[in-house]
Amino acid sequence: MTRRPRAAVILAAGQGTRMKSALAKPLHAVGGRAMLDWSLDLARAAGAERVVTIWGAHSPAVRERAEAAGALTALQDPPLGTGHAVQQAQEALEGFEGDVVVLYADTPLIRAETVEAVFAALDDAAVAVLGFEPDAPGGYGRLIESAPGVLDAIVEAKDASDAQRAVRLCNSGVMACWSETLWGWLSRLTNDNAKGEYYLTDIVALARGDGLQARTVRADASEVLGVNDRADLAAAEAAFQTRRRAEAMAAGVTLTAPETVWFSHDTQIAADVEIEPHVVFGPGVTIASGARIRAFSHLEGARVGEACEVGPYARLRPGAVLETGAKIGNFVEVKKSRLGAGAKANHLAYIGDSDVGAKANIGAGTITCNYDGYFKHRTVIGEGAFIGSNSSLVAPVTIGRGAMTGSGAVITSDVPDDALGLARARQETKPGWAARFRAAMSAKKSKATE
């Protein structure tokens, strides 16, 4: 069977008042990514060739974000319910003939294969609804089936009979319809209810009244978790992290204490990577096979090569690149710098805006002084160079291949290949001075206490 064209309508016009935030609810993040972005990518991953985001007058930032991502947008003002919201997409979808799915910008964890199953249910039905079985069905609308997968009605909890409330299959809100029937049904919706709103769920009754079939598709409750307040946001984050940890371990990544490792939406980790407890991955991190990320490290915008070691207590900031076998130890921070193969900075160093050659060694307490208060400057450290402990490299500066700097040096000029750079005052030793000082001070103290 030839697959029909697909479109998606993303509802993102809700007020989100329970978030108690100046930031529009769809722009709050799960896994380091705005919930709206999750929904936009989901629509595309499910094969939608047109994506329309419904936004509210209170949140122009939602429209801007959606349009920047290439989606069409439509305004719902005033908000008159979910059916009214979907109706606003009609102009943007003018001329479209195919299947339309309704998604939500506050439900970030639905998988593309789940939406694929909803679309597939339209092969022999005019409406398909995604359901789930929560631990506590409570106020969720119930999906009433005449047989498994055959939907007769959606009944709101407040309108349900005791028998209907005993049904555990609940409405997630995600629904797909034929475009040929959708707009006609939306035009027939009424707001004859307590809230005076037009409900998308009433489409099922209209379809059944027209003699057309409706289907149910099931998803895990954690997948359709919606976000209404900060507690829900935390629950969605926890669900994402649980899923991502399981995926990482299934792909061959060792997590010593999985519950303490935090991933971003785009974290890429190859097989045979070992991650110790309490590691946080911000956006934009790639870890190659054989690397070891030790405890209490934080990585963001970084690329770690094969067989590298990071941490414990290390921080890789955006632009950090570690090539094969490089090592970053405890209390070392790297920003916008490349460390060549086998290069090492084992402890207590800051490496910023730098190029560090292969097998170079950065001593404890070394810092690259990259900022002059107005501009950033680069430091270049050659292959096999040895930077003595407590060196300050004042950029722009180049330390040559195989060169060395003495401990405590403040290097302000280039050091040629294989040269030694020294920049410190000559030591002066005064024999017996310390003993004389102690005697004098002790006598002074004794006199002061008489």
Protein backbone atom coordinates (compact mmCIF):
# COMPACT_ATOMS: atom_id res chain seq x y z
CA MET A 1 0.00 0.00 0.00
CA THR A 2 1.32 3.45 -0.94
CA ARG A 3 1.81 5.61 2.12
CA ARG A 4 -0.38 8.70 2.22
CA PRO A 5 1.21 12.13 2.74
CA ARG A 6 1.51 13.20 6.38
CA ALA A 7 1.19 16.46 8.28
CA ALA A 8 1.42 17.37 11.95
CA VAL A 9 -0.27 20.04 14.05
CA ILE A 10 1.57 20.86 17.28
CA LEU A 11 -0.51 22.49 20.00
CA ALA A 12 1.62 25.06 21.83
CA ALA A 13 -0.84 27.85 22.66
CA GLY A 14 -1.59 26.95 26.29
CA GLN A 15 -1.13 29.61 28.95
CA GLY A 16 1.11 27.40 31.10
CA THR A 17 0.17 29.37 34.20
CA ARG A 18 1.09 26.53 36.56
CA MET A 19 4.72 26.79 35.46
CA LYS A 20 4.80 30.24 37.12
CA SER A 21 7.41 31.38 34.62
CA ALA A 22 8.05 34.28 32.25
CA LEU A 23 9.31 31.65 29.80
CA ALA A 24 6.58 30.03 27.69
CA LYS A 25 5.96 26.46 28.79
CA PRO A 26 6.93 24.84 25.45
CA LEU A 27 10.36 26.47 25.72
CA HIS A 28 11.25 24.83 29.02
CA ALA A 29 13.86 22.13 28.53
CA VAL A 30 13.99 18.38 29.00
CA GLY A 31 17.35 16.78 28.35
CA GLY A 32 18.82 20.19 27.63
CA ARG A 33 16.35 20.81 24.79
CA ALA A 34 13.15 22.86 24.59
CA MET A 35 10.02 20.71 24.67
CA LEU A 36 8.82 22.43 21.49
CA ASP A 37 11.98 21.26 19.71
CA TRP A 38 11.28 17.68 20.80
CA SER A 39 7.81 17.90 19.24
CA LEU A 40 9.05 19.51 16.02
CA ASP A 41 11.65 16.81 15.53
CA LEU A 42 9.13 14.12 16.39
CA ALA A 43 6.80 15.35 13.67
CA ARG A 44 9.56 15.24 11.07
CA ALA A 45 10.87 11.88 12.26
CA ALA A 46 7.36 10.50 11.83
CA GLY A 47 7.35 11.63 8.20
CA ALA A 48 5.30 14.83 8.37
CA GLU A 49 5.95 16.92 5.26
CA ARG A 50 4.08 19.90 6.71
CA VAL A 51 4.31 20.91 10.37
CA VAL A 52 2.08 23.63 11.84
CA THR A 53 2.68 25.00 15.34
CA ILE A 54 -0.30 26.65 17.07
CA TRP A 55 0.85 29.48 19.30
CA GLY A 56 -0.87 31.91 21.66
CA ALA A 57 -0.80 35.69 21.72
CA HIS A 58 0.95 35.56 25.11
CA SER A 59 3.94 33.64 23.69
CA PRO A 60 5.37 35.12 20.47
CA ALA A 61 8.67 33.43 21.35
CA VAL A 62 7.00 30.09 20.54
CA ARG A 63 6.13 31.30 17.05
CA GLU A 64 9.66 32.60 16.52
CA ARG A 65 11.22 29.33 17.68
CA ALA A 66 8.94 27.23 15.48
CA GLU A 67 9.49 29.37 12.39
CA ALA A 68 13.24 29.36 12.94
CA ALA A 69 13.02 25.55 12.86
CA GLY A 70 11.19 25.67 9.52
CA ALA A 71 7.65 25.03 10.78
CA LEU A 72 4.50 26.84 9.71
CA THR A 73 2.63 28.68 12.46
CA ALA A 74 -0.93 29.72 13.24
CA LEU A 75 -2.27 31.92 16.02
CA GLN A 76 -5.03 30.81 18.39
CA ASP A 77 -6.52 33.90 19.97
CA PRO A 78 -8.56 33.63 22.07
CA PRO A 79 -7.94 30.05 23.27
CA LEU A 80 -11.20 28.12 22.96
CA GLY A 81 -10.10 24.52 23.42
CA THR A 82 -8.12 21.85 21.62
CA GLY A 83 -10.58 21.45 18.74
CA HIS A 84 -10.52 25.20 18.12
CA ALA A 85 -6.70 25.13 18.25
CA VAL A 86 -6.43 22.48 15.55
CA GLN A 87 -8.94 24.39 13.43
CA GLN A 88 -6.48 27.30 13.25
CA ALA A 89 -4.14 25.12 11.17
CA GLN A 90 -6.62 24.75 8.30
CA GLU A 91 -5.29 27.68 6.28
CA ALA A 92 -1.67 26.52 6.65
CA LEU A 93 -2.70 23.05 5.48
CA GLU A 94 -4.81 24.27 2.58
CA GLY A 95 -4.53 21.85 -0.33
CA PHE A 96 -3.03 19.10 1.80
CA GLU A 97 -4.55 15.66 1.31
CA GLY A 98 -3.38 12.88 3.57
CA ASP A 99 -3.14 12.03 7.25
CA VAL A 100 -2.86 14.65 10.01
CA VAL A 101 -1.58 13.93 13.52
CA VAL A 102 -2.09 16.24 16.50
CA LEU A 103 0.90 16.47 18.87
CA TYR A 104 1.59 18.56 21.98
CA ALA A 105 4.51 20.85 22.76
CA ASP A 106 4.39 19.86 26.44
CA THR A 107 4.71 16.10 25.83
CA PRO A 108 8.36 15.71 24.86
CA LEU A 109 9.10 11.99 25.21
CA ILE A 110 6.92 10.33 22.56
CA ARG A 111 8.93 8.15 20.17
CA ALA A 112 8.70 8.41 16.39
CA GLU A 113 7.78 4.72 16.14
CA THR A 114 4.78 5.37 18.38
CA VAL A 115 3.49 8.10 16.07
CA GLU A 116 4.20 5.76 13.15
CA ALA A 117 1.85 3.23 14.78
CA VAL A 118 -0.85 5.91 15.13
CA PHE A 119 -0.54 6.74 11.43
CA ALA A 120 -0.61 3.05 10.55
CA ALA A 121 -3.95 2.68 12.36
CA LEU A 122 -5.48 5.01 9.75
CA ASP A 123 -5.13 2.29 7.11
CA ASP A 124 -8.55 0.99 8.14
CA ALA A 125 -9.95 3.76 10.33
CA ALA A 126 -10.75 7.45 9.99
CA VAL A 127 -9.47 8.33 13.49
CA ALA A 128 -6.68 6.88 15.63
CA VAL A 129 -6.09 7.84 19.27
CA LEU A 130 -3.00 7.13 21.37
CA GLY A 131 -3.81 5.67 24.78
CA PHE A 132 -1.87 4.65 27.87
CA GLU A 133 -2.45 3.00 31.23
CA PRO A 134 -1.24 5.18 34.12
CA ASP A 135 -0.79 3.97 37.67
CA ALA A 136 -3.57 6.33 38.76
CA PRO A 137 -6.08 7.04 35.95
CA GLY A 138 -7.77 9.72 38.07
CA GLY A 139 -8.96 12.63 35.93
CA TYR A 140 -7.82 11.32 32.55
CA GLY A 141 -10.41 10.77 29.85
CA ARG A 142 -11.10 7.06 29.28
CA LEU A 143 -10.90 5.29 25.92
CA ILE A 144 -13.87 2.95 25.69
CA GLU A 145 -13.25 0.02 23.35
CA SER A 146 -15.71 -2.51 21.94
CA ALA A 147 -12.76 -4.82 21.22
CA PRO A 148 -8.99 -4.47 21.59
CA GLY A 149 -7.92 -1.61 19.34
CA VAL A 150 -11.49 -0.67 18.36
CA LEU A 151 -12.50 2.70 19.85
CA ASP A 152 -16.16 3.43 20.56
CA ALA A 153 -15.89 6.65 22.57
CA ILE A 154 -13.76 8.97 24.64
CA VAL A 155 -15.43 9.73 27.96
CA GLU A 156 -14.17 12.48 30.26
CA ALA A 157 -13.60 11.30 33.84
CA LYS A 158 -16.19 13.68 35.29
CA ASP A 159 -18.81 12.32 32.88
CA ALA A 160 -17.88 8.64 33.23
CA SER A 161 -19.98 5.98 34.91
CA ASP A 162 -18.47 3.79 37.61
CA ALA A 163 -17.86 1.06 35.03
CA GLN A 164 -16.20 3.51 32.64
CA ARG A 165 -13.99 4.94 35.41
CA ALA A 166 -12.78 1.39 36.04
CA VAL A 167 -11.30 1.36 32.53
CA ARG A 168 -7.54 1.89 32.75
CA LEU A 169 -6.89 2.89 29.12
CA CYS A 170 -6.64 6.68 29.11
CA ASN A 171 -6.46 9.36 26.43
CA SER A 172 -3.01 10.87 25.80
CA GLY A 173 -4.45 13.59 23.55
CA VAL A 174 -2.46 12.46 20.50
CA MET A 175 -4.85 11.83 17.62
CA ALA A 176 -4.59 11.29 13.87
CA CYS A 177 -7.30 11.73 11.23
CA TRP A 178 -7.84 11.75 7.50
CA SER A 179 -7.60 15.32 6.23
CA GLU A 180 -10.64 14.66 4.04
CA THR A 181 -12.83 14.37 7.14
CA LEU A 182 -10.92 16.41 9.76
CA TRP A 183 -11.95 19.93 8.78
CA GLY A 184 -15.60 19.00 8.39
CA TRP A 185 -15.65 17.44 11.84
CA LEU A 186 -13.95 20.47 13.38
CA SER A 187 -16.59 22.74 11.85
CA ARG A 188 -19.29 20.59 13.51
CA LEU A 189 -17.84 20.78 17.03
CA THR A 190 -19.90 22.60 19.64
CA ASN A 191 -18.92 24.23 22.91
CA ASP A 192 -21.94 22.98 24.82
CA ASN A 193 -19.98 22.00 27.92
CA ALA A 194 -18.99 23.37 31.31
CA LYS A 195 -15.90 25.13 29.98
CA GLY A 196 -17.52 26.50 26.83
CA GLU A 197 -14.67 25.05 24.75
CA TYR A 198 -14.41 23.05 21.54
CA TYR A 199 -12.92 19.65 22.37
CA LEU A 200 -10.88 17.68 19.86
CA THR A 201 -11.98 14.46 21.57
CA ASP A 202 -15.56 15.00 20.29
CA ILE A 203 -14.29 14.03 16.83
CA VAL A 204 -14.50 10.36 17.81
CA ALA A 205 -18.24 10.62 18.40
CA LEU A 206 -18.66 12.45 15.07
CA ALA A 207 -16.70 9.74 13.24
CA ARG A 208 -18.73 6.96 14.82
CA GLY A 209 -21.92 8.85 14.03
CA ASP A 210 -20.85 8.99 10.39
CA GLY A 211 -20.39 5.23 10.39
CA LEU A 212 -16.57 5.42 10.30
CA GLN A 213 -14.13 3.40 12.37
CA ALA A 214 -11.86 4.69 15.17
CA ARG A 215 -8.82 2.85 16.52
CA THR A 216 -6.67 2.90 19.63
CA VAL A 217 -2.89 2.58 19.81
CA ARG A 218 -1.10 1.98 23.11
CA ALA A 219 2.03 3.64 24.52
CA ASP A 220 3.90 3.33 27.81
CA ALA A 221 2.78 5.88 30.38
CA SER A 222 6.28 7.35 30.71
CA GLU A 223 6.30 8.10 26.98
CA VAL A 224 3.21 10.32 27.01
CA LEU A 225 4.05 12.17 30.22
CA GLY A 226 2.71 15.73 29.88
CA VAL A 227 4.18 18.77 31.60
CA ASN A 228 1.90 21.23 33.38
CA ASP A 229 4.08 22.44 36.26
CA ARG A 230 7.64 22.27 37.58
CA ALA A 231 7.03 18.92 39.26
CA ASP A 232 5.88 17.46 35.93
CA LEU A 233 8.97 18.95 34.28
CA ALA A 234 11.19 17.18 36.80
CA ALA A 235 9.28 13.93 36.23
CA ALA A 236 9.76 14.25 32.47
CA GLU A 237 13.47 14.87 32.98
CA ALA A 238 13.72 11.80 35.20
CA ALA A 239 11.89 9.69 32.61
CA PHE A 240 14.20 10.93 29.86
CA GLN A 241 17.31 10.18 31.92
CA THR A 242 16.07 6.68 32.78
CA ARG A 243 15.44 5.95 29.10
CA ARG A 244 18.76 7.41 27.98
CA ARG A 245 20.77 5.47 30.58
CA ALA A 246 19.14 2.22 29.51
CA GLU A 247 19.88 2.99 25.86
CA ALA A 248 23.53 3.76 26.64
CA MET A 249 24.08 0.51 28.54
CA ALA A 250 22.28 -1.49 25.84
CA ALA A 251 24.71 0.05 23.33
CA GLY A 252 27.76 -1.17 25.27
CA VAL A 253 28.51 1.76 27.59
CA THR A 254 29.50 1.00 31.17
CA LEU A 255 27.72 3.14 33.77
CA THR A 256 29.09 2.34 37.20
CA ALA A 257 26.18 4.07 38.94
CA PRO A 258 23.58 4.78 36.24
CA GLU A 259 21.24 6.81 38.41
CA THR A 260 23.97 9.43 38.98
CA VAL A 261 24.87 10.05 35.31
CA TRP A 262 22.98 12.82 33.47
CA PHE A 263 22.71 12.97 29.70
CA SER A 264 21.71 15.63 27.21
CA HIS A 265 19.39 14.96 24.28
CA ASP A 266 22.30 14.76 21.82
CA THR A 267 24.97 12.98 23.88
CA GLN A 268 26.83 10.50 21.66
CA ILE A 269 28.80 7.75 23.41
CA ALA A 270 30.45 4.84 21.62
CA ALA A 271 30.63 1.28 22.89
CA ASP A 272 33.31 0.39 25.47
CA VAL A 273 33.25 3.79 27.13
CA GLU A 274 33.33 3.71 30.92
CA ILE A 275 31.50 6.40 32.87
CA GLU A 276 32.01 6.65 36.60
CA PRO A 277 29.46 8.09 39.07
CA HIS A 278 28.21 11.68 39.12
CA VAL A 279 29.08 12.70 35.57
CA VAL A 280 27.02 15.38 33.78
CA PHE A 281 26.86 15.71 29.99
CA GLY A 282 25.63 19.05 28.67
CA PRO A 283 24.64 19.50 25.03
CA GLY A 284 27.05 18.71 22.21
CA VAL A 285 29.25 15.94 23.66
CA THR A 286 30.75 13.06 21.67
CA ILE A 287 32.78 10.30 23.35
CA ALA A 288 34.78 7.79 21.29
CA SER A 289 35.33 4.13 22.10
CA GLY A 290 37.63 3.18 24.94
CA ALA A 291 37.45 6.52 26.72
CA ARG A 292 37.00 6.73 30.46
CA ILE A 293 35.06 9.57 32.09
CA ARG A 294 35.83 9.58 35.76
CA ALA A 295 33.66 10.70 38.65
CA PHE A 296 32.30 14.21 39.20
CA SER A 297 33.22 15.52 35.76
CA HIS A 298 31.17 17.95 33.67
CA LEU A 299 31.34 17.97 29.86
CA GLU A 300 29.61 20.30 27.41
CA GLY A 301 30.24 20.96 23.72
CA ALA A 302 33.28 18.67 23.83
CA ARG A 303 34.71 15.87 21.70
CA VAL A 304 36.66 13.14 23.47
CA GLY A 305 38.75 10.77 21.34
CA GLU A 306 39.52 7.09 21.68
CA ALA A 307 41.23 5.88 24.85
CA CYS A 308 41.16 9.31 26.48
CA GLU A 309 40.74 9.80 30.21
CA VAL A 310 38.83 12.68 31.75
CA GLY A 311 38.67 13.46 35.45
CA PRO A 312 37.87 12.94 38.19
CA TYR A 313 36.56 16.45 38.86
CA ALA A 314 37.35 17.71 35.36
CA ARG A 315 35.45 20.23 33.28
CA LEU A 316 35.37 20.27 29.49
CA ARG A 317 33.71 23.38 28.13
CA PRO A 318 32.49 24.08 24.56
CA GLY A 319 35.19 23.69 21.94
CA ALA A 320 37.29 21.22 23.93
CA VAL A 321 38.74 18.48 21.70
CA LEU A 322 40.81 15.61 23.07
CA GLU A 323 42.58 13.45 20.51
CA THR A 324 43.45 9.78 20.99
CA GLY A 325 44.91 8.96 24.39
CA ALA A 326 44.87 12.51 25.75
CA LYS A 327 44.37 12.83 29.48
CA ILE A 328 42.65 15.54 31.53
CA GLY A 329 42.95 15.00 35.27
CA ASN A 330 41.39 16.33 38.44
CA PHE A 331 40.48 20.01 38.65
CA VAL A 332 41.51 20.73 35.06
CA GLU A 333 39.31 22.98 32.92
CA VAL A 334 39.56 23.03 29.12
CA LYS A 335 37.77 25.54 26.89
CA LYS A 336 37.95 26.01 23.11
CA SER A 337 41.19 24.05 22.95
CA ARG A 338 42.59 20.99 21.22
CA LEU A 339 44.85 18.53 22.99
CA GLY A 340 46.79 16.31 20.61
CA ALA A 341 47.21 12.56 20.89
CA GLY A 342 48.74 11.54 24.22
CA ALA A 343 48.89 15.10 25.60
CA LYS A 344 48.39 15.35 29.36
CA ALA A 345 47.20 17.89 31.89
CA ASN A 346 46.91 15.76 34.98
CA HIS A 347 45.86 18.27 37.62
CA LEU A 348 45.00 21.83 38.59
CA ALA A 349 45.22 23.61 35.24
CA TYR A 350 43.24 25.93 32.97
CA ILE A 351 43.67 25.50 29.22
CA GLY A 352 41.69 28.02 27.19
CA ASP A 353 41.91 29.02 23.51
CA SER A 354 44.88 26.77 22.98
CA ASP A 355 46.40 24.20 20.64
CA VAL A 356 48.39 21.60 22.55
CA GLY A 357 50.60 19.27 20.53
CA ALA A 358 50.79 15.51 20.81
CA LYS A 359 52.46 14.14 23.97
CA ALA A 360 52.89 17.59 25.49
CA ASN A 361 52.81 17.63 29.29
CA ILE A 362 51.09 20.45 31.19
CA GLY A 363 52.29 20.76 34.78
CA ALA A 364 50.11 21.36 37.83
CA GLY A 365 48.96 24.94 38.34
CA THR A 366 49.50 25.95 34.70
CA ILE A 367 47.15 28.50 33.19
CA THR A 368 46.85 29.95 29.73
CA CYS A 369 46.19 33.65 30.20
CA ASN A 370 43.91 34.02 27.17
CA TYR A 371 41.91 37.16 27.97
CA ASP A 372 43.26 40.69 28.21
CA GLY A 373 39.97 42.23 29.31
CA TYR A 374 38.89 42.97 25.74
CA PHE A 375 39.95 40.14 23.43
CA LYS A 376 40.75 36.43 23.58
CA HIS A 377 44.16 35.26 22.35
CA ARG A 378 45.51 31.80 21.52
CA THR A 379 48.33 29.80 23.01
CA VAL A 380 50.19 27.22 20.92
CA ILE A 381 52.12 24.46 22.67
CA GLY A 382 54.23 22.24 20.41
CA GLU A 383 54.49 18.47 20.32
CA GLY A 384 56.39 17.00 23.21
CA ALA A 385 56.66 20.32 25.04
CA PHE A 386 56.96 20.26 28.83
CA ILE A 387 55.25 23.06 30.76
CA GLY A 388 56.60 23.34 34.28
CA SER A 389 54.27 23.51 37.25
CA ASN A 390 52.68 26.85 38.08
CA SER A 391 53.51 28.36 34.68
CA SER A 392 51.46 31.25 33.33
CA LEU A 393 51.43 31.40 29.53
CA VAL A 394 50.38 34.90 28.50
CA ALA A 395 48.72 34.72 25.08
CA PRO A 396 49.33 35.22 22.28
CA VAL A 397 52.36 33.01 22.77
CA THR A 398 53.92 29.91 21.24
CA ILE A 399 55.88 27.25 23.08
CA GLY A 400 57.90 25.35 20.50
CA ARG A 401 58.13 21.66 19.78
CA GLY A 402 60.06 19.90 22.55
CA ALA A 403 60.49 23.18 24.46
CA MET A 404 60.28 23.48 28.25
CA THR A 405 59.30 26.15 30.73
CA GLY A 406 60.69 26.34 34.24
CA SER A 407 58.33 25.99 37.19
CA GLY A 408 56.73 29.26 38.21
CA ALA A 409 57.51 30.93 34.89
CA VAL A 410 55.41 33.75 33.49
CA ILE A 411 55.97 33.35 29.76
CA THR A 412 55.19 36.43 27.68
CA SER A 413 57.38 35.74 24.65
CA ASP A 414 57.64 32.77 22.30
CA VAL A 415 59.90 29.90 23.33
CA PRO A 416 61.67 28.28 20.32
CA ASP A 417 61.76 24.54 19.64
CA ASP A 418 63.80 22.58 22.19
CA ALA A 419 64.55 25.73 24.22
CA LEU A 420 64.02 26.36 27.94
CA GLY A 421 61.91 29.38 28.94
CA LEU A 422 62.64 30.88 32.37
CA ALA A 423 60.91 33.94 33.78
CA ARG A 424 61.36 34.30 37.51
CA ALA A 425 63.51 36.20 40.00
CA ARG A 426 66.86 34.66 41.00
CA GLN A 427 66.71 32.89 44.39
CA GLU A 428 68.72 34.44 47.22
CA THR A 429 69.59 32.29 50.29
CA LYS A 430 70.49 33.89 53.67
CA PRO A 431 72.05 31.31 56.03
CA GLY A 432 70.66 31.38 59.62
CA TRP A 433 68.10 34.09 58.85
CA ALA A 434 65.08 31.96 59.83
CA ALA A 435 66.55 30.99 63.21
CA ARG A 436 67.41 34.62 64.01
CA PHE A 437 63.90 35.71 62.99
CA ARG A 438 62.21 33.15 65.24
CA ALA A 439 64.39 34.12 68.20
CA ALA A 440 63.70 37.82 67.77
CA MET A 441 59.95 37.34 67.40
CA SER A 442 59.75 34.97 70.39
CA ALA A 443 61.54 37.51 72.55
CA LYS A 444 59.20 40.24 71.35
CA LYS A 445 56.14 38.13 72.14
CA SER A 446 57.40 37.23 75.59
CA LYS A 447 58.01 40.88 76.45
CA ALA A 448 54.52 41.81 75.25
CA THR A 449 52.91 39.29 77.67
CA GLU A 450 54.87 40.34 80.81
